[in-house]
Amino acid sequence: MAPPLSHDRLMTILRNEGVKLAEYPGWRDRERDDETGKPFGPVHLVLNHHTVARDSLRIVAETGYAGLPGPLAHIHLAKSGLATMCSGGRANHAGLMAVNAYVSFRDEQSTHPAPSKASGTVDGNDCSYGIEAENLGDGVDVWPRAQYDALVRINAAICREYKWKGDSCAGHKETSIEGKVDPRGPVEGYGSRGRFDFTLGQFREDVDERLAHAASWSPGAVTPPKPPTVEERLAALEKRVTALETAG
């Protein structure tokens, strides 16, 4: 059994993992448990989404959409890498999950089959933490380095607490019976890696790499070359003058 974490414990593990946090007003009491009569938990996976909208924090945390009331996730992740707590309970983010896909993440299988409605369905809002990352989802909108790094950290923090592996981290397109495509798009970079396309296989590898280190660890960043000192510049100039004089 994996009961949902207390509000304070969830924030603690995220901070320990180096996630920058904010709190949306009233998030601790905003949930869909009472309205649906369905309690949140036990939890078995983390489900990652993109928002398909700009300026989406209030939509995710509070208002939702027509026919889909908020909160729409437990955490909203801005492009800056700032994670805002949006809900302390059940959130309308996952919809129905195909059973075959759900089981593969629940059991941390090494491969995850395409979701099949024929396998049956489970209510994903019952059993998964939802992260809504701000991105248009058009395959063009870029995931900034800070945002992708924060998404890895959020997933790793939850996995570390429950002693899960990266195979407990899913994308909505891997569980949905509705043909969802999130998350996708180009990523600016991660650690010392340059630009690449968001793939969930690579994402889970990045989560597992993080889990192999302490929560305080950071992936290797691209280090710019040090500018030459005044002495080095003078030496290079003298060398160039000498070469010119010799050539003359």
Protein backbone atom coordinates (compact mmCIF):
# COMPACT_ATOMS: atom_id res chain seq x y z
CA MET A 1 0.00 0.00 0.00
CA ALA A 2 1.19 3.53 -0.79
CA PRO A 3 -1.01 6.07 0.96
CA PRO A 4 -0.83 9.67 -0.26
CA LEU A 5 1.74 11.80 1.49
CA SER A 6 0.72 14.49 3.93
CA HIS A 7 0.83 18.01 2.54
CA ASP A 8 3.87 18.93 4.59
CA ARG A 9 5.73 15.72 3.79
CA LEU A 10 5.17 16.18 0.05
CA MET A 11 6.58 19.69 0.21
CA THR A 12 9.53 18.53 2.31
CA ILE A 13 10.63 15.83 -0.12
CA LEU A 14 10.29 18.21 -3.07
CA ARG A 15 12.44 20.82 -1.36
CA ASN A 16 14.99 18.17 -0.40
CA GLU A 17 15.24 17.27 -4.09
CA GLY A 18 16.00 20.88 -5.00
CA VAL A 19 12.58 21.82 -6.41
CA LYS A 20 11.63 25.51 -6.19
CA LEU A 21 8.17 25.64 -4.60
CA ALA A 22 5.21 27.99 -4.30
CA GLU A 23 1.78 27.41 -2.79
CA TYR A 24 -1.45 28.33 -4.57
CA PRO A 25 -3.90 29.86 -2.07
CA GLY A 26 -6.13 27.21 -0.52
CA TRP A 27 -4.39 24.27 -2.20
CA ARG A 28 -4.37 22.11 0.94
CA ASP A 29 -8.18 22.02 1.01
CA ARG A 30 -8.84 21.97 -2.73
CA GLU A 31 -9.62 18.47 -4.04
CA ARG A 32 -12.28 16.36 -5.74
CA ASP A 33 -12.69 13.73 -3.01
CA ASP A 34 -15.87 15.19 -1.50
CA GLU A 35 -17.50 16.04 -4.84
CA THR A 36 -16.98 12.58 -6.29
CA GLY A 37 -17.16 10.50 -3.14
CA LYS A 38 -13.89 8.87 -4.22
CA PRO A 39 -10.87 9.23 -1.95
CA PHE A 40 -7.40 9.84 -3.34
CA GLY A 41 -5.11 6.84 -2.93
CA PRO A 42 -3.48 4.47 -2.60
CA VAL A 43 -1.06 5.85 -5.19
CA HIS A 44 0.99 3.75 -7.60
CA LEU A 45 2.52 6.14 -10.15
CA VAL A 46 3.33 9.71 -11.16
CA LEU A 47 1.54 10.94 -14.29
CA ASN A 48 3.11 13.73 -16.35
CA HIS A 49 1.14 16.11 -18.59
CA HIS A 50 1.52 19.28 -20.62
CA THR A 51 -1.03 22.06 -20.24
CA VAL A 52 -1.66 22.99 -23.92
CA ALA A 53 -2.04 26.57 -22.66
CA ARG A 54 -0.10 29.60 -21.52
CA ASP A 55 -0.74 31.30 -18.17
CA SER A 56 -2.31 28.07 -17.00
CA LEU A 57 -1.72 28.15 -13.24
CA ARG A 58 -5.19 29.35 -12.20
CA ILE A 59 -6.83 26.94 -14.66
CA VAL A 60 -4.88 23.99 -13.23
CA ALA A 61 -5.19 24.96 -9.58
CA GLU A 62 -8.71 26.27 -9.44
CA THR A 63 -11.05 26.93 -12.35
CA GLY A 64 -10.52 23.98 -14.69
CA TYR A 65 -12.55 23.91 -17.89
CA ALA A 66 -16.23 23.49 -18.79
CA GLY A 67 -17.13 19.93 -17.86
CA LEU A 68 -13.79 19.41 -16.12
CA PRO A 69 -13.62 21.33 -12.84
CA GLY A 70 -10.35 22.04 -11.10
CA PRO A 71 -8.01 21.21 -9.58
CA LEU A 72 -6.48 19.59 -12.66
CA ALA A 73 -3.24 18.41 -11.03
CA HIS A 74 -1.41 18.23 -7.74
CA ILE A 75 1.47 20.37 -9.04
CA HIS A 76 1.73 22.99 -11.78
CA LEU A 77 5.21 23.40 -13.26
CA ALA A 78 6.05 26.72 -14.91
CA LYS A 79 8.62 27.11 -17.66
CA SER A 80 10.90 28.79 -15.11
CA GLY A 81 11.06 25.54 -13.12
CA LEU A 82 8.82 26.87 -10.34
CA ALA A 83 6.49 24.17 -9.02
CA THR A 84 3.24 25.40 -7.48
CA MET A 85 1.24 23.18 -5.15
CA CYS A 86 -2.33 23.06 -6.50
CA SER A 87 -4.16 20.27 -4.69
CA GLY A 88 -3.78 18.17 -1.59
CA GLY A 89 -6.16 15.41 -2.65
CA ARG A 90 -7.91 13.95 -5.65
CA ALA A 91 -7.39 16.01 -8.84
CA ASN A 92 -8.99 15.81 -12.29
CA HIS A 93 -5.86 15.07 -14.31
CA ALA A 94 -5.72 11.44 -15.38
CA GLY A 95 -9.16 10.32 -16.53
CA LEU A 96 -9.51 6.64 -17.31
CA MET A 97 -6.37 4.53 -17.61
CA ALA A 98 -6.14 1.32 -19.60
CA VAL A 99 -5.64 -1.56 -17.18
CA ASN A 100 -2.75 -3.06 -19.15
CA ALA A 101 -0.87 0.24 -19.02
CA TYR A 102 -1.75 0.90 -15.39
CA VAL A 103 -0.50 -2.52 -14.29
CA SER A 104 2.81 -2.03 -16.10
CA PHE A 105 3.52 1.12 -14.08
CA ARG A 106 2.08 -0.20 -10.82
CA ASP A 107 4.34 -3.25 -11.09
CA GLU A 108 7.29 -1.22 -12.47
CA GLN A 109 7.66 -3.41 -15.53
CA SER A 110 10.61 -2.64 -17.78
CA THR A 111 8.35 -2.18 -20.81
CA HIS A 112 5.02 -0.38 -21.02
CA PRO A 113 2.44 -1.55 -23.58
CA ALA A 114 0.29 0.81 -25.60
CA PRO A 115 -2.90 1.48 -23.62
CA SER A 116 -5.72 -0.84 -24.69
CA LYS A 117 -9.31 -0.01 -23.78
CA ALA A 118 -10.11 -3.69 -24.32
CA SER A 119 -8.01 -4.53 -21.24
CA GLY A 120 -10.47 -2.60 -19.06
CA THR A 121 -10.07 0.73 -17.30
CA VAL A 122 -9.27 2.16 -13.88
CA ASP A 123 -9.83 5.70 -12.62
CA GLY A 124 -6.40 7.27 -12.84
CA ASN A 125 -7.39 10.13 -10.55
CA ASP A 126 -7.59 7.62 -7.69
CA CYS A 127 -4.09 6.26 -7.97
CA SER A 128 -1.64 8.78 -9.46
CA TYR A 129 0.02 12.05 -8.63
CA GLY A 130 -0.52 14.50 -11.50
CA ILE A 131 2.01 17.06 -12.73
CA GLU A 132 0.87 19.67 -15.27
CA ALA A 133 3.87 21.29 -16.97
CA GLU A 134 3.25 24.46 -18.96
CA ASN A 135 3.83 23.65 -22.64
CA LEU A 136 1.64 24.07 -25.73
CA GLY A 137 2.12 20.43 -26.67
CA ASP A 138 2.38 21.28 -30.36
CA GLY A 139 5.76 19.58 -30.77
CA VAL A 140 7.39 22.99 -31.30
CA ASP A 141 7.10 24.74 -27.95
CA VAL A 142 10.42 24.21 -26.14
CA TRP A 143 10.80 22.79 -22.63
CA PRO A 144 13.43 25.05 -21.02
CA ARG A 145 16.34 23.38 -19.28
CA ALA A 146 15.12 24.53 -15.84
CA GLN A 147 11.62 23.14 -16.41
CA TYR A 148 12.77 19.70 -17.55
CA ASP A 149 15.25 19.49 -14.68
CA ALA A 150 12.47 20.36 -12.21
CA LEU A 151 10.17 17.72 -13.73
CA VAL A 152 12.87 15.08 -13.24
CA ARG A 153 13.36 16.24 -9.65
CA ILE A 154 9.62 16.16 -8.84
CA ASN A 155 9.23 12.62 -10.17
CA ALA A 156 12.41 11.48 -8.44
CA ALA A 157 11.34 12.99 -5.12
CA ILE A 158 8.10 11.00 -5.11
CA CYS A 159 9.83 7.83 -6.28
CA ARG A 160 12.55 8.21 -3.67
CA GLU A 161 9.97 8.55 -0.89
CA TYR A 162 8.04 5.45 -1.95
CA LYS A 163 11.18 3.51 -2.96
CA TRP A 164 9.92 3.34 -6.55
CA LYS A 165 11.99 3.29 -9.74
CA GLY A 166 11.67 5.45 -12.82
CA ASP A 167 9.27 2.86 -14.22
CA SER A 168 6.63 4.28 -11.88
CA CYS A 169 6.73 7.53 -13.91
CA ALA A 170 4.35 7.76 -16.87
CA GLY A 171 3.24 10.17 -19.54
CA HIS A 172 -0.47 10.69 -20.11
CA LYS A 173 -0.16 9.26 -23.61
CA GLU A 174 1.06 5.98 -22.09
CA THR A 175 -2.07 5.43 -20.00
CA SER A 176 -4.94 7.26 -21.70
CA ILE A 177 -7.63 5.48 -23.70
CA GLU A 178 -8.51 8.83 -25.33
CA GLY A 179 -5.44 9.20 -27.53
CA LYS A 180 -3.66 11.85 -25.45
CA VAL A 181 -0.22 12.90 -26.72
CA ASP A 182 1.38 14.49 -23.67
CA PRO A 183 4.08 15.16 -22.87
CA ARG A 184 6.05 15.94 -26.01
CA GLY A 185 8.22 18.59 -27.65
CA PRO A 186 11.86 19.68 -27.88
CA VAL A 187 13.87 20.07 -24.67
CA GLU A 188 16.48 22.82 -24.44
CA GLY A 189 18.88 20.55 -22.60
CA TYR A 190 19.54 18.69 -19.37
CA GLY A 191 22.75 18.58 -17.38
CA SER A 192 25.58 18.45 -19.92
CA ARG A 193 23.21 17.21 -22.66
CA GLY A 194 22.20 19.60 -25.42
CA ARG A 195 18.88 19.89 -27.20
CA PHE A 196 16.83 16.69 -27.58
CA ASP A 197 13.24 15.57 -28.06
CA PHE A 198 11.18 14.67 -25.00
CA THR A 199 10.80 10.90 -24.86
CA LEU A 200 9.47 9.09 -21.83
CA GLY A 201 12.11 6.37 -22.06
CA GLN A 202 14.86 8.98 -21.74
CA PHE A 203 12.89 10.76 -19.03
CA ARG A 204 12.71 7.61 -16.92
CA GLU A 205 16.44 7.07 -17.40
CA ASP A 206 17.02 10.61 -16.12
CA VAL A 207 14.82 9.91 -13.09
CA ASP A 208 16.71 6.67 -12.38
CA GLU A 209 20.05 8.45 -12.74
CA ARG A 210 18.89 10.98 -10.17
CA LEU A 211 17.71 8.23 -7.82
CA ALA A 212 21.18 6.68 -7.93
CA HIS A 213 22.49 9.81 -6.19
CA ALA A 214 21.58 11.72 -3.06
CA ALA A 215 18.63 14.08 -3.29
CA SER A 216 21.07 17.02 -3.18
CA TRP A 217 22.77 15.91 -6.42
CA SER A 218 22.63 17.97 -9.61
CA PRO A 219 23.41 16.68 -13.12
CA GLY A 220 26.57 17.97 -14.75
CA ALA A 221 26.02 21.38 -16.29
CA VAL A 222 27.69 22.74 -19.39
CA THR A 223 30.70 24.68 -18.11
CA PRO A 224 31.64 27.69 -20.26
CA PRO A 225 35.37 28.10 -20.96
CA LYS A 226 37.17 30.41 -18.55
CA PRO A 227 38.10 33.77 -20.11
CA PRO A 228 41.86 34.23 -20.49
CA THR A 229 43.64 36.26 -17.83
CA VAL A 230 45.41 39.55 -18.61
CA GLU A 231 48.75 37.76 -18.41
CA GLU A 232 47.59 35.08 -20.85
CA ARG A 233 46.32 37.72 -23.29
CA LEU A 234 49.64 39.61 -23.13
CA ALA A 235 51.60 36.40 -23.66
CA ALA A 236 49.45 35.52 -26.69
CA LEU A 237 49.91 39.02 -28.10
CA GLU A 238 53.69 38.89 -27.64
CA LYS A 239 53.75 35.49 -29.32
CA ARG A 240 51.80 36.86 -32.28
CA VAL A 241 54.11 39.92 -32.61
CA THR A 242 57.18 37.69 -32.53
CA ALA A 243 55.67 35.46 -35.23
CA LEU A 244 54.96 38.48 -37.43
CA GLU A 245 58.46 39.87 -36.96
CA THR A 246 59.98 36.50 -37.84
CA ALA A 247 57.80 36.21 -40.90
CA GLY A 248 58.78 39.72 -42.01
